[in-house]
PDB file of N, CA and C in Angstrom:
ATOM      1  N   MET A   1     -71.534   0.741  25.223  1.00  0.00           N
ATOM      2  CA  MET A   1     -70.326   0.008  24.909  1.00  0.00           C
ATOM      3  C   MET A   1     -69.383   0.913  24.114  1.00  0.00           C
ATOM      4  N   LYS A   2     -68.132   0.886  24.431  1.00  0.00           N
ATOM      5  CA  LYS A   2     -67.140   1.692  23.723  1.00  0.00           C
ATOM      6  C   LYS A   2     -66.484   0.854  22.636  1.00  0.00           C
ATOM      7  N   TYR A   3     -66.208   1.492  21.526  1.00  0.00           N
ATOM      8  CA  TYR A   3     -65.593   0.799  20.398  1.00  0.00           C
ATOM      9  C   TYR A   3     -64.237   1.419  20.112  1.00  0.00           C
ATOM     10  N   ASN A   4     -63.385   0.645  19.462  1.00  0.00           N
ATOM     11  CA  ASN A   4     -62.027   1.092  19.170  1.00  0.00           C
ATOM     12  C   ASN A   4     -61.808   1.170  17.669  1.00  0.00           C
ATOM     13  N   ILE A   5     -60.827   1.956  17.295  1.00  0.00           N
ATOM     14  CA  ILE A   5     -60.455   2.031  15.886  1.00  0.00           C
ATOM     15  C   ILE A   5     -59.984   0.644  15.457  1.00  0.00           C
ATOM     16  N   GLY A   6     -60.491   0.205  14.316  1.00  0.00           N
ATOM     17  CA  GLY A   6     -60.160  -1.117  13.806  1.00  0.00           C
ATOM     18  C   GLY A   6     -61.243  -2.147  14.058  1.00  0.00           C
ATOM     19  N   ASP A   7     -62.210  -1.863  14.947  1.00  0.00           N
ATOM     20  CA  ASP A   7     -63.312  -2.801  15.182  1.00  0.00           C
ATOM     21  C   ASP A   7     -64.115  -2.961  13.896  1.00  0.00           C
ATOM     22  N   LYS A   8     -64.567  -4.193  13.639  1.00  0.00           N
ATOM     23  CA  LYS A   8     -65.327  -4.484  12.424  1.00  0.00           C
ATOM     24  C   LYS A   8     -66.716  -4.973  12.787  1.00  0.00           C
ATOM     25  N   PHE A   9     -67.686  -4.559  11.950  1.00  0.00           N
ATOM     26  CA  PHE A   9     -69.077  -4.930  12.127  1.00  0.00           C
ATOM     27  C   PHE A   9     -69.669  -5.240  10.766  1.00  0.00           C
ATOM     28  N   TRP A  10     -70.833  -5.890  10.770  1.00  0.00           N
ATOM     29  CA  TRP A  10     -71.534  -6.200   9.532  1.00  0.00           C
ATOM     30  C   TRP A  10     -72.961  -5.715   9.669  1.00  0.00           C
ATOM     31  N   ARG A  11     -73.414  -4.954   8.659  1.00  0.00           N
ATOM     32  CA  ARG A  11     -74.756  -4.358   8.664  1.00  0.00           C
ATOM     33  C   ARG A  11     -75.616  -5.037   7.600  1.00  0.00           C
ATOM     34  N   VAL A  12     -76.806  -5.472   8.006  1.00  0.00           N
ATOM     35  CA  VAL A  12     -77.744  -6.114   7.095  1.00  0.00           C
ATOM     36  C   VAL A  12     -78.727  -5.064   6.581  1.00  0.00           C
ATOM     37  N   SER A  13     -78.876  -5.003   5.260  1.00  0.00           N
ATOM     38  CA  SER A  13     -79.823  -4.090   4.627  1.00  0.00           C
ATOM     39  C   SER A  13     -80.750  -4.881   3.726  1.00  0.00           C
ATOM     40  N   SER A  14     -81.984  -4.442   3.642  1.00  0.00           N
ATOM     41  CA  SER A  14     -82.918  -5.076   2.709  1.00  0.00           C
ATOM     42  C   SER A  14     -83.463  -4.006   1.774  1.00  0.00           C
ATOM     43  N   LYS A  15     -83.734  -4.419   0.553  1.00  0.00           N
ATOM     44  CA  LYS A  15     -84.231  -3.497  -0.458  1.00  0.00           C
ATOM     45  C   LYS A  15     -85.322  -4.209  -1.233  1.00  0.00           C
ATOM     46  N   LEU A  16     -86.448  -3.529  -1.426  1.00  0.00           N
ATOM     47  CA  LEU A  16     -87.552  -4.098  -2.187  1.00  0.00           C
ATOM     48  C   LEU A  16     -87.343  -3.762  -3.654  1.00  0.00           C
ATOM     49  N   ASN A  17     -87.218  -4.773  -4.482  1.00  0.00           N
ATOM     50  CA  ASN A  17     -87.098  -4.588  -5.926  1.00  0.00           C
ATOM     51  C   ASN A  17     -88.488  -4.643  -6.535  1.00  0.00           C
ATOM     52  N   TRP A  18     -88.926  -3.524  -7.061  1.00  0.00           N
ATOM     53  CA  TRP A  18     -90.255  -3.463  -7.648  1.00  0.00           C
ATOM     54  C   TRP A  18     -90.271  -4.185  -8.981  1.00  0.00           C
ATOM     55  N   ASN A  19     -91.331  -4.884  -9.226  1.00  0.00           N
ATOM     56  CA  ASN A  19     -91.537  -5.542 -10.500  1.00  0.00           C
ATOM     57  C   ASN A  19     -92.010  -4.481 -11.490  1.00  0.00           C
ATOM     58  N   SER A  20     -91.413  -4.403 -12.658  1.00  0.00           N
ATOM     59  CA  SER A  20     -91.763  -3.347 -13.605  1.00  0.00           C
ATOM     60  C   SER A  20     -92.912  -3.738 -14.535  1.00  0.00           C
ATOM     61  N   ASN A  21     -93.475  -4.912 -14.368  1.00  0.00           N
ATOM     62  CA  ASN A  21     -94.608  -5.337 -15.194  1.00  0.00           C
ATOM     63  C   ASN A  21     -95.891  -4.748 -14.637  1.00  0.00           C
ATOM     64  N   LYS A  22     -96.612  -3.988 -15.472  1.00  0.00           N
ATOM     65  CA  LYS A  22     -97.872  -3.396 -15.041  1.00  0.00           C
ATOM     66  C   LYS A  22     -98.977  -4.435 -15.085  1.00  0.00           C
ATOM     67  N   ILE A  23     -99.826  -4.380 -14.095  1.00  0.00           N
ATOM     68  CA  ILE A  23    -101.051  -5.163 -14.113  1.00  0.00           C
ATOM     69  C   ILE A  23    -102.169  -4.181 -14.437  1.00  0.00           C
ATOM     70  N   ARG A  24    -102.754  -4.320 -15.612  1.00  0.00           N
ATOM     71  CA  ARG A  24    -103.809  -3.401 -16.053  1.00  0.00           C
ATOM     72  C   ARG A  24    -105.161  -3.931 -15.585  1.00  0.00           C
ATOM     73  N   MET A  25    -105.990  -3.008 -15.133  1.00  0.00           N
ATOM     74  CA  MET A  25    -107.308  -3.369 -14.630  1.00  0.00           C
ATOM     75  C   MET A  25    -108.324  -2.326 -15.089  1.00  0.00           C
ATOM     76  N   THR A  26    -109.552  -2.720 -15.126  1.00  0.00           N
ATOM     77  CA  THR A  26    -110.642  -1.801 -15.440  1.00  0.00           C
ATOM     78  C   THR A  26    -111.678  -1.951 -14.342  1.00  0.00           C
ATOM     79  N   ASP A  27    -112.077  -0.824 -13.741  1.00  0.00           N
ATOM     80  CA  ASP A  27    -113.058  -0.913 -12.658  1.00  0.00           C
ATOM     81  C   ASP A  27    -114.474  -0.957 -13.222  1.00  0.00           C
ATOM     82  N   ALA A  28    -115.456  -0.985 -12.342  1.00  0.00           N
ATOM     83  CA  ALA A  28    -116.861  -1.130 -12.744  1.00  0.00           C
ATOM     84  C   ALA A  28    -117.344   0.043 -13.591  1.00  0.00           C
ATOM     85  N   ASP A  29    -116.735   1.212 -13.459  1.00  0.00           N
ATOM     86  CA  ASP A  29    -117.131   2.390 -14.231  1.00  0.00           C
ATOM     87  C   ASP A  29    -116.405   2.478 -15.575  1.00  0.00           C
ATOM     88  N   GLY A  30    -115.586   1.497 -15.879  1.00  0.00           N
ATOM     89  CA  GLY A  30    -114.870   1.477 -17.148  1.00  0.00           C
ATOM     90  C   GLY A  30    -113.573   2.263 -17.142  1.00  0.00           C
ATOM     91  N   ILE A  31    -113.149   2.704 -15.978  1.00  0.00           N
ATOM     92  CA  ILE A  31    -111.895   3.451 -15.879  1.00  0.00           C
ATOM     93  C   ILE A  31    -110.751   2.462 -15.784  1.00  0.00           C
ATOM     94  N   GLU A  32    -109.801   2.645 -16.690  1.00  0.00           N
ATOM     95  CA  GLU A  32    -108.656   1.734 -16.707  1.00  0.00           C
ATOM     96  C   GLU A  32    -107.567   2.271 -15.775  1.00  0.00           C
ATOM     97  N   TRP A  33    -107.002   1.409 -15.014  1.00  0.00           N
ATOM     98  CA  TRP A  33    -105.902   1.764 -14.124  1.00  0.00           C
ATOM     99  C   TRP A  33    -104.972   0.587 -14.029  1.00  0.00           C
ATOM    100  N   TYR A  34    -103.854   0.811 -13.392  1.00  0.00           N
ATOM    101  CA  TYR A  34    -102.878  -0.267 -13.283  1.00  0.00           C
ATOM    102  C   TYR A  34    -102.148  -0.172 -11.956  1.00  0.00           C
ATOM    103  N   ARG A  35    -101.486  -1.249 -11.627  1.00  0.00           N
ATOM    104  CA  ARG A  35    -100.644  -1.278 -10.431  1.00  0.00           C
ATOM    105  C   ARG A  35     -99.438  -2.150 -10.735  1.00  0.00           C
ATOM    106  N   TYR A  36     -98.458  -2.023  -9.911  1.00  0.00           N
ATOM    107  CA  TYR A  36     -97.267  -2.858 -10.030  1.00  0.00           C
ATOM    108  C   TYR A  36     -97.294  -3.926  -8.948  1.00  0.00           C
ATOM    109  N   PRO A  37     -97.000  -5.156  -9.288  1.00  0.00           N
ATOM    110  CA  PRO A  37     -96.953  -6.184  -8.245  1.00  0.00           C
ATOM    111  C   PRO A  37     -95.725  -5.983  -7.358  1.00  0.00           C
ATOM    112  N   ASN A  38     -95.825  -6.467  -6.149  1.00  0.00           N
ATOM    113  CA  ASN A  38     -94.673  -6.385  -5.249  1.00  0.00           C
ATOM    114  C   ASN A  38     -93.549  -7.264  -5.768  1.00  0.00           C
ATOM    115  N   GLY A  39     -92.358  -6.776  -5.648  1.00  0.00           N
ATOM    116  CA  GLY A  39     -91.201  -7.549  -6.046  1.00  0.00           C
ATOM    117  C   GLY A  39     -90.650  -8.328  -4.870  1.00  0.00           C
ATOM    118  N   LYS A  40     -89.523  -8.895  -5.063  1.00  0.00           N
ATOM    119  CA  LYS A  40     -88.848  -9.655  -4.013  1.00  0.00           C
ATOM    120  C   LYS A  40     -87.832  -8.750  -3.313  1.00  0.00           C
ATOM    121  N   ASN A  41     -87.645  -9.012  -2.042  1.00  0.00           N
ATOM    122  CA  ASN A  41     -86.606  -8.305  -1.298  1.00  0.00           C
ATOM    123  C   ASN A  41     -85.243  -8.861  -1.671  1.00  0.00           C
ATOM    124  N   THR A  42     -84.275  -7.979  -1.737  1.00  0.00           N
ATOM    125  CA  THR A  42     -82.887  -8.415  -1.863  1.00  0.00           C
ATOM    126  C   THR A  42     -82.163  -7.939  -0.611  1.00  0.00           C
ATOM    127  N   TYR A  43     -81.219  -8.727  -0.176  1.00  0.00           N
ATOM    128  CA  TYR A  43     -80.512  -8.429   1.064  1.00  0.00           C
ATOM    129  C   TYR A  43     -79.031  -8.252   0.772  1.00  0.00           C
ATOM    130  N   SER A  44     -78.422  -7.369   1.528  1.00  0.00           N
ATOM    131  CA  SER A  44     -76.983  -7.195   1.393  1.00  0.00           C
ATOM    132  C   SER A  44     -76.370  -7.074   2.779  1.00  0.00           C
ATOM    133  N   ILE A  45     -75.127  -7.463   2.858  1.00  0.00           N
ATOM    134  CA  ILE A  45     -74.374  -7.350   4.106  1.00  0.00           C
ATOM    135  C   ILE A  45     -73.175  -6.465   3.820  1.00  0.00           C
ATOM    136  N   ASP A  46     -73.106  -5.341   4.522  1.00  0.00           N
ATOM    137  CA  ASP A  46     -71.991  -4.403   4.370  1.00  0.00           C
ATOM    138  C   ASP A  46     -71.018  -4.587   5.512  1.00  0.00           C
ATOM    139  N   LYS A  47     -69.736  -4.596   5.185  1.00  0.00           N
ATOM    140  CA  LYS A  47     -68.707  -4.649   6.225  1.00  0.00           C
ATOM    141  C   LYS A  47     -68.382  -3.217   6.643  1.00  0.00           C
ATOM    142  N   LEU A  48     -68.439  -2.948   7.932  1.00  0.00           N
ATOM    143  CA  LEU A  48     -68.123  -1.639   8.495  1.00  0.00           C
ATOM    144  C   LEU A  48     -66.869  -1.767   9.344  1.00  0.00           C
ATOM    145  N   GLU A  49     -65.948  -0.836   9.170  1.00  0.00           N
ATOM    146  CA  GLU A  49     -64.744  -0.820  10.000  1.00  0.00           C
ATOM    147  C   GLU A  49     -64.573   0.583  10.562  1.00  0.00           C
ATOM    148  N   ILE A  50     -64.436   0.666  11.870  1.00  0.00           N
ATOM    149  CA  ILE A  50     -64.241   1.966  12.505  1.00  0.00           C
ATOM    150  C   ILE A  50     -62.835   2.462  12.184  1.00  0.00           C
ATOM    151  N   VAL A  51     -62.773   3.642  11.570  1.00  0.00           N
ATOM    152  CA  VAL A  51     -61.476   4.212  11.200  1.00  0.00           C
ATOM    153  C   VAL A  51     -61.170   5.491  11.975  1.00  0.00           C
ATOM    154  N   GLY A  52     -62.125   5.961  12.769  1.00  0.00           N
ATOM    155  CA  GLY A  52     -61.867   7.156  13.565  1.00  0.00           C
ATOM    156  C   GLY A  52     -63.032   7.472  14.479  1.00  0.00           C
ATOM    157  N   LYS A  53     -62.781   8.322  15.435  1.00  0.00           N
ATOM    158  CA  LYS A  53     -63.814   8.789  16.359  1.00  0.00           C
ATOM    159  C   LYS A  53     -63.992  10.276  16.115  1.00  0.00           C
ATOM    160  N   LEU A  54     -65.221  10.689  15.916  1.00  0.00           N
ATOM    161  CA  LEU A  54     -65.507  12.094  15.631  1.00  0.00           C
ATOM    162  C   LEU A  54     -65.695  12.841  16.943  1.00  0.00           C
ATOM    163  N   LEU A  55     -64.871  13.824  17.147  1.00  0.00           N
ATOM    164  CA  LEU A  55     -64.917  14.618  18.368  1.00  0.00           C
ATOM    165  C   LEU A  55     -65.282  16.049  18.021  1.00  0.00           C
ATOM    166  N   HIS A  56     -65.961  16.705  18.937  1.00  0.00           N
ATOM    167  CA  HIS A  56     -66.335  18.102  18.755  1.00  0.00           C
ATOM    168  C   HIS A  56     -65.628  18.924  19.821  1.00  0.00           C
ATOM    169  N   SER A  57     -65.153  20.071  19.422  1.00  0.00           N
ATOM    170  CA  SER A  57     -64.562  20.961  20.419  1.00  0.00           C
ATOM    171  C   SER A  57     -65.538  22.107  20.672  1.00  0.00           C
ATOM    172  N   TYR A  58     -65.632  22.503  21.911  1.00  0.00           N
ATOM    173  CA  TYR A  58     -66.566  23.541  22.305  1.00  0.00           C
ATOM    174  C   TYR A  58     -65.784  24.723  22.857  1.00  0.00           C
ATOM    175  N   GLU A  59     -66.229  25.905  22.511  1.00  0.00           N
ATOM    176  CA  GLU A  59     -65.626  27.117  23.056  1.00  0.00           C
ATOM    177  C   GLU A  59     -66.691  27.862  23.842  1.00  0.00           C
ATOM    178  N   GLY A  60     -66.284  28.460  24.923  1.00  0.00           N
ATOM    179  CA  GLY A  60     -67.225  29.206  25.729  1.00  0.00           C
ATOM    180  C   GLY A  60     -68.128  28.301  26.542  1.00  0.00           C
ATOM    181  N   ASN A  61     -69.280  28.821  26.904  1.00  0.00           N
ATOM    182  CA  ASN A  61     -70.234  28.061  27.703  1.00  0.00           C
ATOM    183  C   ASN A  61     -71.072  27.173  26.792  1.00  0.00           C
ATOM    184  N   SER A  62     -70.997  25.901  27.017  1.00  0.00           N
ATOM    185  CA  SER A  62     -71.849  24.973  26.268  1.00  0.00           C
ATOM    186  C   SER A  62     -72.583  24.102  27.273  1.00  0.00           C
ATOM    187  N   SER A  63     -73.760  23.707  26.903  1.00  0.00           N
ATOM    188  CA  SER A  63     -74.542  22.902  27.831  1.00  0.00           C
ATOM    189  C   SER A  63     -74.027  21.470  27.858  1.00  0.00           C
ATOM    190  N   LEU A  64     -74.233  20.799  28.959  1.00  0.00           N
ATOM    191  CA  LEU A  64     -73.754  19.426  29.102  1.00  0.00           C
ATOM    192  C   LEU A  64     -74.444  18.463  28.145  1.00  0.00           C
ATOM    193  N   TRP A  65     -75.738  18.668  27.874  1.00  0.00           N
ATOM    194  CA  TRP A  65     -76.431  17.741  26.979  1.00  0.00           C
ATOM    195  C   TRP A  65     -75.821  17.786  25.590  1.00  0.00           C
ATOM    196  N   MET A  66     -75.346  18.944  25.186  1.00  0.00           N
ATOM    197  CA  MET A  66     -74.758  19.073  23.861  1.00  0.00           C
ATOM    198  C   MET A  66     -73.435  18.324  23.786  1.00  0.00           C
ATOM    199  N   GLU A  67     -72.656  18.383  24.829  1.00  0.00           N
ATOM    200  CA  GLU A  67     -71.385  17.667  24.838  1.00  0.00           C
ATOM    201  C   GLU A  67     -71.616  16.159  24.808  1.00  0.00           C
ATOM    202  N   ASN A  68     -72.580  15.679  25.562  1.00  0.00           N
ATOM    203  CA  ASN A  68     -72.830  14.244  25.622  1.00  0.00           C
ATOM    204  C   ASN A  68     -73.434  13.701  24.341  1.00  0.00           C
ATOM    205  N   GLU A  69     -74.158  14.539  23.603  1.00  0.00           N
ATOM    206  CA  GLU A  69     -74.844  14.062  22.406  1.00  0.00           C
ATOM    207  C   GLU A  69     -73.870  13.612  21.323  1.00  0.00           C
ATOM    208  N   TYR A  70     -72.719  14.215  21.240  1.00  0.00           N
ATOM    209  CA  TYR A  70     -71.814  13.942  20.135  1.00  0.00           C
ATOM    210  C   TYR A  70     -70.559  13.173  20.530  1.00  0.00           C
ATOM    211  N   VAL A  71     -70.512  12.629  21.716  1.00  0.00           N
ATOM    212  CA  VAL A  71     -69.294  11.982  22.180  1.00  0.00           C
ATOM    213  C   VAL A  71     -69.038  10.673  21.448  1.00  0.00           C
ATOM    214  N   ASP A  72     -70.032   9.852  21.251  1.00  0.00           N
ATOM    215  CA  ASP A  72     -69.820   8.505  20.731  1.00  0.00           C
ATOM    216  C   ASP A  72     -70.254   8.394  19.277  1.00  0.00           C
ATOM    217  N   ARG A  73     -69.577   9.130  18.435  1.00  0.00           N
ATOM    218  CA  ARG A  73     -69.861   9.123  17.002  1.00  0.00           C
ATOM    219  C   ARG A  73     -68.587   8.687  16.298  1.00  0.00           C
ATOM    220  N   TYR A  74     -68.733   7.761  15.375  1.00  0.00           N
ATOM    221  CA  TYR A  74     -67.563   7.158  14.754  1.00  0.00           C
ATOM    222  C   TYR A  74     -67.582   7.353  13.240  1.00  0.00           C
ATOM    223  N   ALA A  75     -66.396   7.404  12.668  1.00  0.00           N
ATOM    224  CA  ALA A  75     -66.240   7.366  11.219  1.00  0.00           C
ATOM    225  C   ALA A  75     -66.007   5.908  10.851  1.00  0.00           C
ATOM    226  N   VAL A  76     -66.819   5.384   9.939  1.00  0.00           N
ATOM    227  CA  VAL A  76     -66.689   3.986   9.533  1.00  0.00           C
ATOM    228  C   VAL A  76     -66.470   3.907   8.024  1.00  0.00           C
ATOM    229  N   ARG A  77     -65.644   2.968   7.621  1.00  0.00           N
ATOM    230  CA  ARG A  77     -65.436   2.701   6.203  1.00  0.00           C
ATOM    231  C   ARG A  77     -66.363   1.555   5.827  1.00  0.00           C
ATOM    232  N   VAL A  78     -67.128   1.751   4.757  1.00  0.00           N
ATOM    233  CA  VAL A  78     -68.115   0.766   4.319  1.00  0.00           C
ATOM    234  C   VAL A  78     -67.551  -0.026   3.151  1.00  0.00           C
ATOM    235  N   ASN A  79     -67.470  -1.339   3.316  1.00  0.00           N
ATOM    236  CA  ASN A  79     -66.984  -2.250   2.271  1.00  0.00           C
ATOM    237  C   ASN A  79     -65.647  -1.790   1.686  1.00  0.00           C
ATOM    238  N   ASP A  80     -64.755  -1.335   2.549  1.00  0.00           N
ATOM    239  CA  ASP A  80     -63.427  -0.859   2.136  1.00  0.00           C
ATOM    240  C   ASP A  80     -63.508   0.284   1.129  1.00  0.00           C
ATOM    241  N   GLY A  81     -64.601   1.036   1.137  1.00  0.00           N
ATOM    242  CA  GLY A  81     -64.792   2.119   0.180  1.00  0.00           C
ATOM    243  C   GLY A  81     -65.042   3.450   0.863  1.00  0.00           C
ATOM    244  N   HIS A  82     -66.268   3.968   0.719  1.00  0.00           N
ATOM    245  CA  HIS A  82     -66.602   5.303   1.220  1.00  0.00           C
ATOM    246  C   HIS A  82     -66.723   5.328   2.745  1.00  0.00           C
ATOM    247  N   LEU A  83     -66.725   6.543   3.282  1.00  0.00           N
ATOM    248  CA  LEU A  83     -66.845   6.745   4.729  1.00  0.00           C
ATOM    249  C   LEU A  83     -68.247   7.211   5.087  1.00  0.00           C
ATOM    250  N   GLU A  84     -68.715   6.782   6.235  1.00  0.00           N
ATOM    251  CA  GLU A  84     -69.971   7.251   6.822  1.00  0.00           C
ATOM    252  C   GLU A  84     -69.707   7.574   8.282  1.00  0.00           C
ATOM    253  N   ASP A  85     -70.604   8.374   8.868  1.00  0.00           N
ATOM    254  CA  ASP A  85     -70.534   8.553  10.312  1.00  0.00           C
ATOM    255  C   ASP A  85     -71.654   7.747  10.940  1.00  0.00           C
ATOM    256  N   LEU A  86     -71.385   7.221  12.105  1.00  0.00           N
ATOM    257  CA  LEU A  86     -72.306   6.303  12.756  1.00  0.00           C
ATOM    258  C   LEU A  86     -72.278   6.567  14.250  1.00  0.00           C
ATOM    259  N   TYR A  87     -73.448   6.679  14.847  1.00  0.00           N
ATOM    260  CA  TYR A  87     -73.530   6.859  16.291  1.00  0.00           C
ATOM    261  C   TYR A  87     -73.405   5.511  16.986  1.00  0.00           C
ATOM    262  N   GLU A  88     -72.906   5.551  18.199  1.00  0.00           N
ATOM    263  CA  GLU A  88     -72.758   4.321  18.978  1.00  0.00           C
ATOM    264  C   GLU A  88     -74.096   3.609  19.155  1.00  0.00           C
ATOM    265  N   GLU A  89     -75.175   4.383  19.328  1.00  0.00           N
ATOM    266  CA  GLU A  89     -76.492   3.775  19.495  1.00  0.00           C
ATOM    267  C   GLU A  89     -76.897   2.973  18.261  1.00  0.00           C
ATOM    268  N   ASP A  90     -76.490   3.443  17.077  1.00  0.00           N
ATOM    269  CA  ASP A  90     -76.813   2.716  15.847  1.00  0.00           C
ATOM    270  C   ASP A  90     -76.143   1.353  15.838  1.00  0.00           C
ATOM    271  N   ILE A  91     -74.912   1.296  16.295  1.00  0.00           N
ATOM    272  CA  ILE A  91     -74.181   0.028  16.339  1.00  0.00           C
ATOM    273  C   ILE A  91     -74.848  -0.914  17.324  1.00  0.00           C
ATOM    274  N   ASP A  92     -75.336  -0.388  18.434  1.00  0.00           N
ATOM    275  CA  ASP A  92     -75.926  -1.210  19.480  1.00  0.00           C
ATOM    276  C   ASP A  92     -77.345  -1.686  19.153  1.00  0.00           C
ATOM    277  N   GLU A  93     -78.107  -0.918  18.341  1.00  0.00           N
ATOM    278  CA  GLU A  93     -79.534  -1.190  18.219  1.00  0.00           C
ATOM    279  C   GLU A  93     -79.994  -1.753  16.887  1.00  0.00           C
ATOM    280  N   TYR A  94     -79.389  -1.361  15.794  1.00  0.00           N
ATOM    281  CA  TYR A  94     -79.925  -1.728  14.481  1.00  0.00           C
ATOM    282  C   TYR A  94     -79.324  -3.032  13.987  1.00  0.00           C
ATOM    283  N   ASN A  95     -79.601  -3.393  12.751  1.00  0.00           N
ATOM    284  CA  ASN A  95     -79.152  -4.664  12.195  1.00  0.00           C
ATOM    285  C   ASN A  95     -77.651  -4.646  11.933  1.00  0.00           C
ATOM    286  N   ILE A  96     -76.886  -4.400  12.980  1.00  0.00           N
ATOM    287  CA  ILE A  96     -75.434  -4.376  12.898  1.00  0.00           C
ATOM    288  C   ILE A  96     -74.901  -5.423  13.868  1.00  0.00           C
ATOM    289  N   PHE A  97     -74.035  -6.293  13.364  1.00  0.00           N
ATOM    290  CA  PHE A  97     -73.559  -7.424  14.147  1.00  0.00           C
ATOM    291  C   PHE A  97     -72.044  -7.421  14.207  1.00  0.00           C
ATOM    292  N   ASP A  98     -71.511  -8.052  15.247  1.00  0.00           N
ATOM    293  CA  ASP A  98     -70.057  -8.120  15.396  1.00  0.00           C
ATOM    294  C   ASP A  98     -69.456  -9.343  14.725  1.00  0.00           C
ATOM    295  N   SER A  99     -70.286 -10.172  14.084  1.00  0.00           N
ATOM    296  CA  SER A  99     -69.756 -11.306  13.333  1.00  0.00           C
ATOM    297  C   SER A  99     -70.525 -11.467  12.026  1.00  0.00           C
ATOM    298  N   LEU A 100     -69.824 -11.896  11.002  1.00  0.00           N
ATOM    299  CA  LEU A 100     -70.442 -12.131   9.701  1.00  0.00           C
ATOM    300  C   LEU A 100     -71.467 -13.252   9.793  1.00  0.00           C
ATOM    301  N   GLU A 101     -71.200 -14.256  10.604  1.00  0.00           N
ATOM    302  CA  GLU A 101     -72.113 -15.385  10.753  1.00  0.00           C
ATOM    303  C   GLU A 101     -73.465 -14.949  11.304  1.00  0.00           C
ATOM    304  N   ALA A 102     -73.458 -14.038  12.272  1.00  0.00           N
ATOM    305  CA  ALA A 102     -74.715 -13.545  12.848  1.00  0.00           C
ATOM    306  C   ALA A 102     -75.506 -12.760  11.801  1.00  0.00           C
ATOM    307  N   ALA A 103     -74.820 -11.976  10.985  1.00  0.00           N
ATOM    308  CA  ALA A 103     -75.495 -11.226   9.922  1.00  0.00           C
ATOM    309  C   ALA A 103     -76.094 -12.177   8.889  1.00  0.00           C
ATOM    310  N   GLN A 104     -75.351 -13.206   8.523  1.00  0.00           N
ATOM    311  CA  GLN A 104     -75.856 -14.183   7.558  1.00  0.00           C
ATOM    312  C   GLN A 104     -77.055 -14.946   8.122  1.00  0.00           C
ATOM    313  N   ALA A 105     -77.042 -15.212   9.419  1.00  0.00           N
ATOM    314  CA  ALA A 105     -78.173 -15.892  10.054  1.00  0.00           C
ATOM    315  C   ALA A 105     -79.427 -15.028   9.988  1.00  0.00           C
ATOM    316  N   LEU A 106     -79.291 -13.714  10.177  1.00  0.00           N
ATOM    317  CA  LEU A 106     -80.449 -12.820  10.085  1.00  0.00           C
ATOM    318  C   LEU A 106     -80.982 -12.797   8.656  1.00  0.00           C
ATOM    319  N   VAL A 107     -80.095 -12.750   7.667  1.00  0.00           N
ATOM    320  CA  VAL A 107     -80.534 -12.757   6.272  1.00  0.00           C
ATOM    321  C   VAL A 107     -81.299 -14.043   5.973  1.00  0.00           C
ATOM    322  N   SER A 108     -80.808 -15.178   6.431  1.00  0.00           N
ATOM    323  CA  SER A 108     -81.504 -16.455   6.230  1.00  0.00           C
ATOM    324  C   SER A 108     -82.885 -16.427   6.878  1.00  0.00           C
ATOM    325  N   LYS A 109     -82.968 -15.892   8.084  1.00  0.00           N
ATOM    326  CA  LYS A 109     -84.245 -15.812   8.788  1.00  0.00           C
ATOM    327  C   LYS A 109     -85.221 -14.906   8.036  1.00  0.00           C
ATOM    328  N   MET A 110     -84.739 -13.763   7.540  1.00  0.00           N
ATOM    329  CA  MET A 110     -85.592 -12.834   6.810  1.00  0.00           C
ATOM    330  C   MET A 110     -86.094 -13.444   5.501  1.00  0.00           C
ATOM    331  N   LYS A 111     -85.243 -14.206   4.835  1.00  0.00           N
ATOM    332  CA  LYS A 111     -85.650 -14.863   3.586  1.00  0.00           C
ATOM    333  C   LYS A 111     -86.728 -15.914   3.839  1.00  0.00           C
ATOM    334  N   LYS A 112     -86.626 -16.637   4.954  1.00  0.00           N
ATOM    335  CA  LYS A 112     -87.616 -17.663   5.277  1.00  0.00           C
ATOM    336  C   LYS A 112     -88.969 -17.039   5.614  1.00  0.00           C
ATOM    337  N   GLU A 113     -88.958 -15.833   6.170  1.00  0.00           N
ATOM    338  CA  GLU A 113     -90.196 -15.172   6.578  1.00  0.00           C
ATOM    339  C   GLU A 113     -90.950 -14.533   5.426  1.00  0.00           C
ATOM    340  N   GLU A 114     -90.344 -14.470   4.235  1.00  0.00           N
ATOM    341  CA  GLU A 114     -91.031 -13.867   3.081  1.00  0.00           C
ATOM    342  C   GLU A 114     -92.192 -14.708   2.627  1.00  0.00           C
TER     343      GLU A 114
END
């Protein structure tokens, strides 16, 4: 699928927040050790807006696979802030949606599955 400058997407990210409380234990040999309990996941939705298409120019003999590899790469602005580059395949395959409602639905589903 081809995208245009100005297209907007929403990316769902999850992050595990570790609990900082140590659980202290002593094994059968009297060795004391500890572990951290698992924390809760936090979810965020980033707004992505395509602000440019990254093109490569080739001089001399270049192989066709090299030209095709970099054709569909976009510059995206994240949450109206910094820029990232993103491949077209990333937009098509990962937790990136063309509507905010679809992204929110995935977050709700992920929260229920915890």
